[in-house]
Amino acid sequence: MLAFRRAVEARELDVIAELLADDVVLHSPISFKPYHGRENVAKIINLVASILQDFVYQREIGAESDNDHALVFGARVGDLSIQGCDFIHTDTDGLIDELTVMMRPLRAVHAFETQMRARFAESFASS
């Protein structure tokens, strides 16, 4: 997960896309329905990066050789602190094939959701 962590923290979004499997699935904290495919998931990660400020991974759980990892993060949405965790599964090729994101506290998640829905509509309407 070191490559993914470095790419996210450095905001190297093109590198992040290269670490995703073609059939990657993203489970979002604000959507009931999962998102599928490298292009869609990379685009969503880009949108999230434009909203979360002062983003930093605080802890990594799982050995590098494992297929399951958890990356605990902290960030801000406006003046609200938000904490979350990326639960990541990699396939046999070492590519991310499943990403589940959880966030707290609720007030910050609502602020994130408001911004994300607006940017999502703008970004995916032009697709």
N, C-alpha and C. Protein backbone atom coordinates (compact mmCIF):
# COMPACT_ATOMS: atom_id res chain seq x y z
N MET A 1 0.81 -1.20 0.00
CA MET A 1 0.00 0.00 0.00
C MET A 1 0.85 1.26 0.00
N LEU A 2 2.14 1.08 0.11
CA LEU A 2 3.02 2.23 0.16
C LEU A 2 2.88 3.09 -1.10
N ALA A 3 2.78 2.49 -2.27
CA ALA A 3 2.66 3.25 -3.52
C ALA A 3 1.35 4.05 -3.54
N PHE A 4 0.25 3.44 -3.13
CA PHE A 4 -1.04 4.13 -3.10
C PHE A 4 -1.00 5.27 -2.09
N ARG A 5 -0.47 4.99 -0.92
CA ARG A 5 -0.39 6.01 0.13
C ARG A 5 0.43 7.20 -0.35
N ARG A 6 1.59 6.93 -0.92
CA ARG A 6 2.44 8.03 -1.42
C ARG A 6 1.75 8.83 -2.51
N ALA A 7 1.08 8.14 -3.43
CA ALA A 7 0.41 8.83 -4.53
C ALA A 7 -0.73 9.70 -4.03
N VAL A 8 -1.51 9.20 -3.09
CA VAL A 8 -2.62 9.99 -2.53
C VAL A 8 -2.09 11.21 -1.79
N GLU A 9 -1.11 11.00 -0.93
CA GLU A 9 -0.58 12.11 -0.14
C GLU A 9 0.10 13.16 -1.01
N ALA A 10 0.70 12.72 -2.13
CA ALA A 10 1.36 13.65 -3.04
C ALA A 10 0.39 14.21 -4.09
N ARG A 11 -0.85 13.74 -4.05
CA ARG A 11 -1.88 14.17 -5.02
C ARG A 11 -1.46 13.83 -6.45
N GLU A 12 -0.79 12.70 -6.62
CA GLU A 12 -0.37 12.22 -7.94
C GLU A 12 -1.49 11.34 -8.50
N LEU A 13 -2.52 11.99 -8.99
CA LEU A 13 -3.74 11.29 -9.36
C LEU A 13 -3.56 10.36 -10.56
N ASP A 14 -2.64 10.68 -11.46
CA ASP A 14 -2.39 9.80 -12.59
C ASP A 14 -1.75 8.49 -12.11
N VAL A 15 -0.92 8.57 -11.09
CA VAL A 15 -0.29 7.38 -10.52
C VAL A 15 -1.35 6.52 -9.83
N ILE A 16 -2.28 7.15 -9.14
CA ILE A 16 -3.34 6.41 -8.45
C ILE A 16 -4.10 5.55 -9.45
N ALA A 17 -4.45 6.10 -10.60
CA ALA A 17 -5.20 5.36 -11.61
C ALA A 17 -4.44 4.10 -12.04
N GLU A 18 -3.13 4.18 -12.12
CA GLU A 18 -2.31 3.04 -12.54
C GLU A 18 -2.32 1.92 -11.50
N LEU A 19 -2.67 2.25 -10.26
CA LEU A 19 -2.68 1.26 -9.18
C LEU A 19 -4.02 0.57 -9.03
N LEU A 20 -5.00 0.99 -9.85
CA LEU A 20 -6.35 0.42 -9.79
C LEU A 20 -6.53 -0.67 -10.84
N ALA A 21 -7.19 -1.75 -10.47
CA ALA A 21 -7.55 -2.80 -11.43
C ALA A 21 -8.62 -2.24 -12.37
N ASP A 22 -8.70 -2.79 -13.56
CA ASP A 22 -9.71 -2.34 -14.53
C ASP A 22 -11.12 -2.43 -13.96
N ASP A 23 -11.38 -3.49 -13.17
CA ASP A 23 -12.72 -3.74 -12.64
C ASP A 23 -12.86 -3.33 -11.17
N VAL A 24 -12.08 -2.37 -10.73
CA VAL A 24 -12.11 -1.91 -9.34
C VAL A 24 -13.52 -1.48 -8.93
N VAL A 25 -13.85 -1.72 -7.67
CA VAL A 25 -15.14 -1.34 -7.11
C VAL A 25 -14.88 -0.39 -5.93
N LEU A 26 -15.58 0.73 -5.91
CA LEU A 26 -15.49 1.71 -4.83
C LEU A 26 -16.81 1.74 -4.07
N HIS A 27 -16.73 1.54 -2.76
CA HIS A 27 -17.88 1.68 -1.87
C HIS A 27 -17.71 3.01 -1.15
N SER A 28 -18.58 3.95 -1.46
CA SER A 28 -18.49 5.31 -0.96
C SER A 28 -19.26 5.48 0.34
N PRO A 29 -18.81 6.39 1.21
CA PRO A 29 -19.57 6.64 2.44
C PRO A 29 -20.85 7.43 2.23
N ILE A 30 -21.03 7.97 1.03
CA ILE A 30 -22.22 8.80 0.79
C ILE A 30 -23.13 8.25 -0.30
N SER A 31 -22.83 7.07 -0.81
CA SER A 31 -23.66 6.48 -1.85
C SER A 31 -23.94 5.02 -1.53
N PHE A 32 -25.19 4.64 -1.67
CA PHE A 32 -25.58 3.26 -1.41
C PHE A 32 -25.02 2.34 -2.48
N LYS A 33 -25.00 2.82 -3.70
CA LYS A 33 -24.59 2.03 -4.85
C LYS A 33 -23.08 2.15 -5.06
N PRO A 34 -22.37 1.04 -5.26
CA PRO A 34 -20.93 1.12 -5.50
C PRO A 34 -20.63 1.65 -6.91
N TYR A 35 -19.42 2.16 -7.09
CA TYR A 35 -18.94 2.64 -8.38
C TYR A 35 -17.96 1.62 -8.94
N HIS A 36 -17.98 1.45 -10.25
CA HIS A 36 -17.17 0.42 -10.89
C HIS A 36 -16.27 1.02 -11.97
N GLY A 37 -15.09 0.41 -12.11
CA GLY A 37 -14.20 0.73 -13.22
C GLY A 37 -13.12 1.74 -12.87
N ARG A 38 -11.95 1.51 -13.44
CA ARG A 38 -10.78 2.34 -13.18
C ARG A 38 -11.02 3.81 -13.47
N GLU A 39 -11.59 4.12 -14.61
CA GLU A 39 -11.80 5.52 -14.99
C GLU A 39 -12.73 6.24 -14.02
N ASN A 40 -13.86 5.62 -13.70
CA ASN A 40 -14.82 6.24 -12.77
C ASN A 40 -14.22 6.42 -11.38
N VAL A 41 -13.57 5.38 -10.87
CA VAL A 41 -13.03 5.44 -9.51
C VAL A 41 -11.89 6.47 -9.44
N ALA A 42 -11.03 6.51 -10.45
CA ALA A 42 -9.96 7.51 -10.46
C ALA A 42 -10.53 8.92 -10.49
N LYS A 43 -11.59 9.12 -11.24
CA LYS A 43 -12.24 10.44 -11.31
C LYS A 43 -12.83 10.83 -9.95
N ILE A 44 -13.43 9.86 -9.26
CA ILE A 44 -14.02 10.13 -7.95
C ILE A 44 -12.92 10.45 -6.93
N ILE A 45 -11.82 9.71 -6.96
CA ILE A 45 -10.71 9.99 -6.06
C ILE A 45 -10.18 11.40 -6.31
N ASN A 46 -10.13 11.82 -7.56
CA ASN A 46 -9.70 13.17 -7.91
C ASN A 46 -10.66 14.20 -7.30
N LEU A 47 -11.95 13.96 -7.38
CA LEU A 47 -12.93 14.87 -6.79
C LEU A 47 -12.78 14.94 -5.27
N VAL A 48 -12.59 13.79 -4.65
CA VAL A 48 -12.41 13.76 -3.19
C VAL A 48 -11.18 14.57 -2.80
N ALA A 49 -10.10 14.41 -3.56
CA ALA A 49 -8.86 15.14 -3.27
C ALA A 49 -9.05 16.65 -3.39
N SER A 50 -10.00 17.07 -4.21
CA SER A 50 -10.25 18.52 -4.35
C SER A 50 -11.06 19.08 -3.18
N ILE A 51 -11.68 18.21 -2.41
CA ILE A 51 -12.52 18.64 -1.28
C ILE A 51 -11.79 18.52 0.05
N LEU A 52 -11.12 17.40 0.28
CA LEU A 52 -10.46 17.17 1.57
C LEU A 52 -9.16 17.98 1.64
N GLN A 53 -9.09 18.85 2.61
CA GLN A 53 -7.91 19.71 2.79
C GLN A 53 -7.03 19.14 3.90
N ASP A 54 -5.74 19.42 3.81
CA ASP A 54 -4.77 18.97 4.82
C ASP A 54 -4.86 17.46 5.05
N PHE A 55 -5.08 16.73 3.98
CA PHE A 55 -5.23 15.28 4.04
C PHE A 55 -3.90 14.63 4.42
N VAL A 56 -3.97 13.70 5.38
CA VAL A 56 -2.77 12.94 5.76
C VAL A 56 -3.20 11.57 6.28
N TYR A 57 -2.46 10.55 5.83
CA TYR A 57 -2.67 9.23 6.41
C TYR A 57 -1.96 9.20 7.75
N GLN A 58 -2.67 8.75 8.77
CA GLN A 58 -2.14 8.74 10.13
C GLN A 58 -1.64 7.37 10.56
N ARG A 59 -2.17 6.33 9.93
CA ARG A 59 -1.80 4.97 10.34
C ARG A 59 -2.11 4.01 9.20
N GLU A 60 -1.28 3.00 9.08
CA GLU A 60 -1.47 1.95 8.08
C GLU A 60 -1.56 0.62 8.81
N ILE A 61 -2.59 -0.15 8.49
CA ILE A 61 -2.81 -1.44 9.15
C ILE A 61 -2.75 -2.53 8.09
N GLY A 62 -1.94 -3.55 8.34
CA GLY A 62 -1.78 -4.66 7.41
C GLY A 62 -0.37 -4.71 6.87
N ALA A 63 0.16 -5.91 6.75
CA ALA A 63 1.51 -6.09 6.21
C ALA A 63 1.51 -5.83 4.71
N GLU A 64 2.61 -5.35 4.21
CA GLU A 64 2.73 -5.05 2.77
C GLU A 64 2.39 -6.27 1.92
N SER A 65 2.67 -7.45 2.42
CA SER A 65 2.42 -8.68 1.65
C SER A 65 0.96 -9.14 1.71
N ASP A 66 0.15 -8.53 2.56
CA ASP A 66 -1.27 -8.90 2.67
C ASP A 66 -2.07 -8.33 1.50
N ASN A 67 -3.24 -8.93 1.26
CA ASN A 67 -4.16 -8.42 0.24
C ASN A 67 -5.15 -7.42 0.82
N ASP A 68 -5.25 -7.36 2.14
CA ASP A 68 -6.17 -6.44 2.80
C ASP A 68 -5.39 -5.43 3.63
N HIS A 69 -5.77 -4.15 3.49
CA HIS A 69 -5.08 -3.06 4.17
C HIS A 69 -6.12 -2.06 4.67
N ALA A 70 -5.74 -1.31 5.68
CA ALA A 70 -6.56 -0.21 6.16
C ALA A 70 -5.64 0.99 6.35
N LEU A 71 -6.04 2.12 5.77
CA LEU A 71 -5.28 3.37 5.90
C LEU A 71 -6.18 4.38 6.60
N VAL A 72 -5.82 4.75 7.81
CA VAL A 72 -6.58 5.70 8.60
C VAL A 72 -6.10 7.11 8.24
N PHE A 73 -7.05 8.01 7.98
CA PHE A 73 -6.66 9.35 7.57
C PHE A 73 -7.37 10.43 8.36
N GLY A 74 -6.81 11.62 8.30
CA GLY A 74 -7.42 12.81 8.86
C GLY A 74 -7.36 13.90 7.81
N ALA A 75 -8.32 14.82 7.85
CA ALA A 75 -8.38 15.92 6.88
C ALA A 75 -9.34 16.97 7.43
N ARG A 76 -9.58 17.97 6.59
CA ARG A 76 -10.57 18.99 6.91
C ARG A 76 -11.52 19.14 5.75
N VAL A 77 -12.76 19.49 6.07
CA VAL A 77 -13.75 19.92 5.10
C VAL A 77 -14.17 21.30 5.58
N GLY A 78 -13.64 22.33 4.94
CA GLY A 78 -13.87 23.68 5.46
C GLY A 78 -13.23 23.80 6.82
N ASP A 79 -14.02 24.18 7.83
CA ASP A 79 -13.47 24.32 9.18
C ASP A 79 -13.73 23.10 10.06
N LEU A 80 -14.24 22.02 9.45
CA LEU A 80 -14.55 20.81 10.20
C LEU A 80 -13.46 19.75 10.01
N SER A 81 -13.07 19.10 11.09
CA SER A 81 -12.14 17.98 11.01
C SER A 81 -12.91 16.73 10.65
N ILE A 82 -12.29 15.91 9.82
CA ILE A 82 -12.91 14.64 9.43
C ILE A 82 -11.87 13.55 9.57
N GLN A 83 -12.32 12.38 9.99
CA GLN A 83 -11.45 11.23 10.12
C GLN A 83 -12.07 10.10 9.32
N GLY A 84 -11.23 9.28 8.74
CA GLY A 84 -11.77 8.18 7.96
C GLY A 84 -10.79 7.05 7.80
N CYS A 85 -11.24 6.05 7.09
CA CYS A 85 -10.41 4.89 6.82
C CYS A 85 -10.70 4.37 5.42
N ASP A 86 -9.63 4.11 4.69
CA ASP A 86 -9.72 3.45 3.39
C ASP A 86 -9.42 1.97 3.62
N PHE A 87 -10.40 1.12 3.37
CA PHE A 87 -10.19 -0.32 3.43
C PHE A 87 -9.93 -0.79 2.01
N ILE A 88 -8.77 -1.38 1.80
CA ILE A 88 -8.30 -1.67 0.45
C ILE A 88 -8.02 -3.16 0.29
N HIS A 89 -8.48 -3.70 -0.82
CA HIS A 89 -8.15 -5.09 -1.18
C HIS A 89 -7.42 -5.07 -2.52
N THR A 90 -6.38 -5.87 -2.61
CA THR A 90 -5.63 -5.98 -3.86
C THR A 90 -5.81 -7.37 -4.46
N ASP A 91 -5.75 -7.41 -5.79
CA ASP A 91 -5.88 -8.68 -6.50
C ASP A 91 -4.52 -9.39 -6.56
N THR A 92 -4.47 -10.50 -7.28
CA THR A 92 -3.24 -11.28 -7.37
C THR A 92 -2.12 -10.54 -8.09
N ASP A 93 -2.46 -9.51 -8.87
CA ASP A 93 -1.44 -8.70 -9.55
C ASP A 93 -0.99 -7.52 -8.70
N GLY A 94 -1.56 -7.39 -7.50
CA GLY A 94 -1.19 -6.29 -6.62
C GLY A 94 -1.93 -5.00 -6.91
N LEU A 95 -2.93 -5.05 -7.80
CA LEU A 95 -3.73 -3.86 -8.12
C LEU A 95 -4.93 -3.78 -7.18
N ILE A 96 -5.37 -2.58 -6.90
CA ILE A 96 -6.52 -2.38 -6.02
C ILE A 96 -7.79 -2.76 -6.77
N ASP A 97 -8.49 -3.77 -6.25
CA ASP A 97 -9.73 -4.19 -6.90
C ASP A 97 -10.97 -3.86 -6.07
N GLU A 98 -10.75 -3.42 -4.82
CA GLU A 98 -11.87 -2.98 -4.00
C GLU A 98 -11.39 -1.94 -3.00
N LEU A 99 -12.16 -0.86 -2.90
CA LEU A 99 -11.85 0.24 -1.99
C LEU A 99 -13.15 0.63 -1.29
N THR A 100 -13.15 0.54 0.04
CA THR A 100 -14.29 0.94 0.85
C THR A 100 -13.85 2.08 1.74
N VAL A 101 -14.58 3.19 1.70
CA VAL A 101 -14.22 4.37 2.48
C VAL A 101 -15.28 4.61 3.55
N MET A 102 -14.81 4.82 4.76
CA MET A 102 -15.70 5.18 5.87
C MET A 102 -15.19 6.48 6.48
N MET A 103 -16.12 7.32 6.97
CA MET A 103 -15.76 8.63 7.53
C MET A 103 -16.61 8.95 8.75
N ARG A 104 -16.07 9.85 9.57
CA ARG A 104 -16.76 10.37 10.74
C ARG A 104 -16.18 11.73 11.07
N PRO A 105 -16.76 12.56 11.87
CA PRO A 105 -18.10 12.53 12.46
C PRO A 105 -19.15 12.95 11.43
N LEU A 106 -20.39 12.70 11.78
CA LEU A 106 -21.50 12.90 10.86
C LEU A 106 -21.58 14.32 10.30
N ARG A 107 -21.38 15.30 11.13
CA ARG A 107 -21.47 16.70 10.67
C ARG A 107 -20.46 16.98 9.55
N ALA A 108 -19.24 16.49 9.72
CA ALA A 108 -18.21 16.67 8.69
C ALA A 108 -18.53 15.85 7.44
N VAL A 109 -19.10 14.67 7.64
CA VAL A 109 -19.48 13.84 6.50
C VAL A 109 -20.57 14.54 5.69
N HIS A 110 -21.53 15.18 6.35
CA HIS A 110 -22.58 15.92 5.64
C HIS A 110 -21.98 17.08 4.85
N ALA A 111 -21.01 17.79 5.42
CA ALA A 111 -20.35 18.88 4.70
C ALA A 111 -19.61 18.33 3.49
N PHE A 112 -18.93 17.20 3.66
CA PHE A 112 -18.25 16.55 2.55
C PHE A 112 -19.24 16.14 1.47
N GLU A 113 -20.35 15.53 1.90
CA GLU A 113 -21.38 15.07 0.95
C GLU A 113 -21.93 16.22 0.12
N THR A 114 -22.20 17.34 0.74
CA THR A 114 -22.74 18.50 0.02
C THR A 114 -21.79 18.94 -1.08
N GLN A 115 -20.51 19.06 -0.75
CA GLN A 115 -19.53 19.47 -1.76
C GLN A 115 -19.33 18.40 -2.82
N MET A 116 -19.29 17.15 -2.40
CA MET A 116 -19.06 16.05 -3.33
C MET A 116 -20.20 15.92 -4.33
N ARG A 117 -21.42 16.03 -3.87
CA ARG A 117 -22.57 15.91 -4.79
C ARG A 117 -22.54 17.01 -5.85
N ALA A 118 -22.20 18.23 -5.46
CA ALA A 118 -22.14 19.33 -6.43
C ALA A 118 -21.04 19.08 -7.46
N ARG A 119 -19.86 18.72 -7.00
CA ARG A 119 -18.74 18.48 -7.92
C ARG A 119 -18.95 17.22 -8.76
N PHE A 120 -19.58 16.23 -8.17
CA PHE A 120 -19.87 15.00 -8.89
C PHE A 120 -20.81 15.28 -10.06
N ALA A 121 -21.86 16.05 -9.80
CA ALA A 121 -22.83 16.39 -10.85
C ALA A 121 -22.15 17.14 -11.98
N GLU A 122 -21.29 18.10 -11.64
CA GLU A 122 -20.57 18.87 -12.66
C GLU A 122 -19.62 17.99 -13.45
N SER A 123 -18.87 17.17 -12.77
CA SER A 123 -17.84 16.35 -13.40
C SER A 123 -18.42 15.24 -14.26
N PHE A 124 -19.42 14.55 -13.76
CA PHE A 124 -19.97 13.41 -14.51
C PHE A 124 -21.01 13.83 -15.53
N ALA A 125 -21.52 15.06 -15.44
CA ALA A 125 -22.45 15.55 -16.45
C ALA A 125 -21.72 15.79 -17.77
N SER A 126 -20.43 16.11 -17.67
CA SER A 126 -19.65 16.39 -18.88
C SER A 126 -19.07 15.12 -19.48
N SER A 127 -19.31 13.96 -18.85
CA SER A 127 -18.77 12.69 -19.36
C SER A 127 -19.63 12.10 -20.45
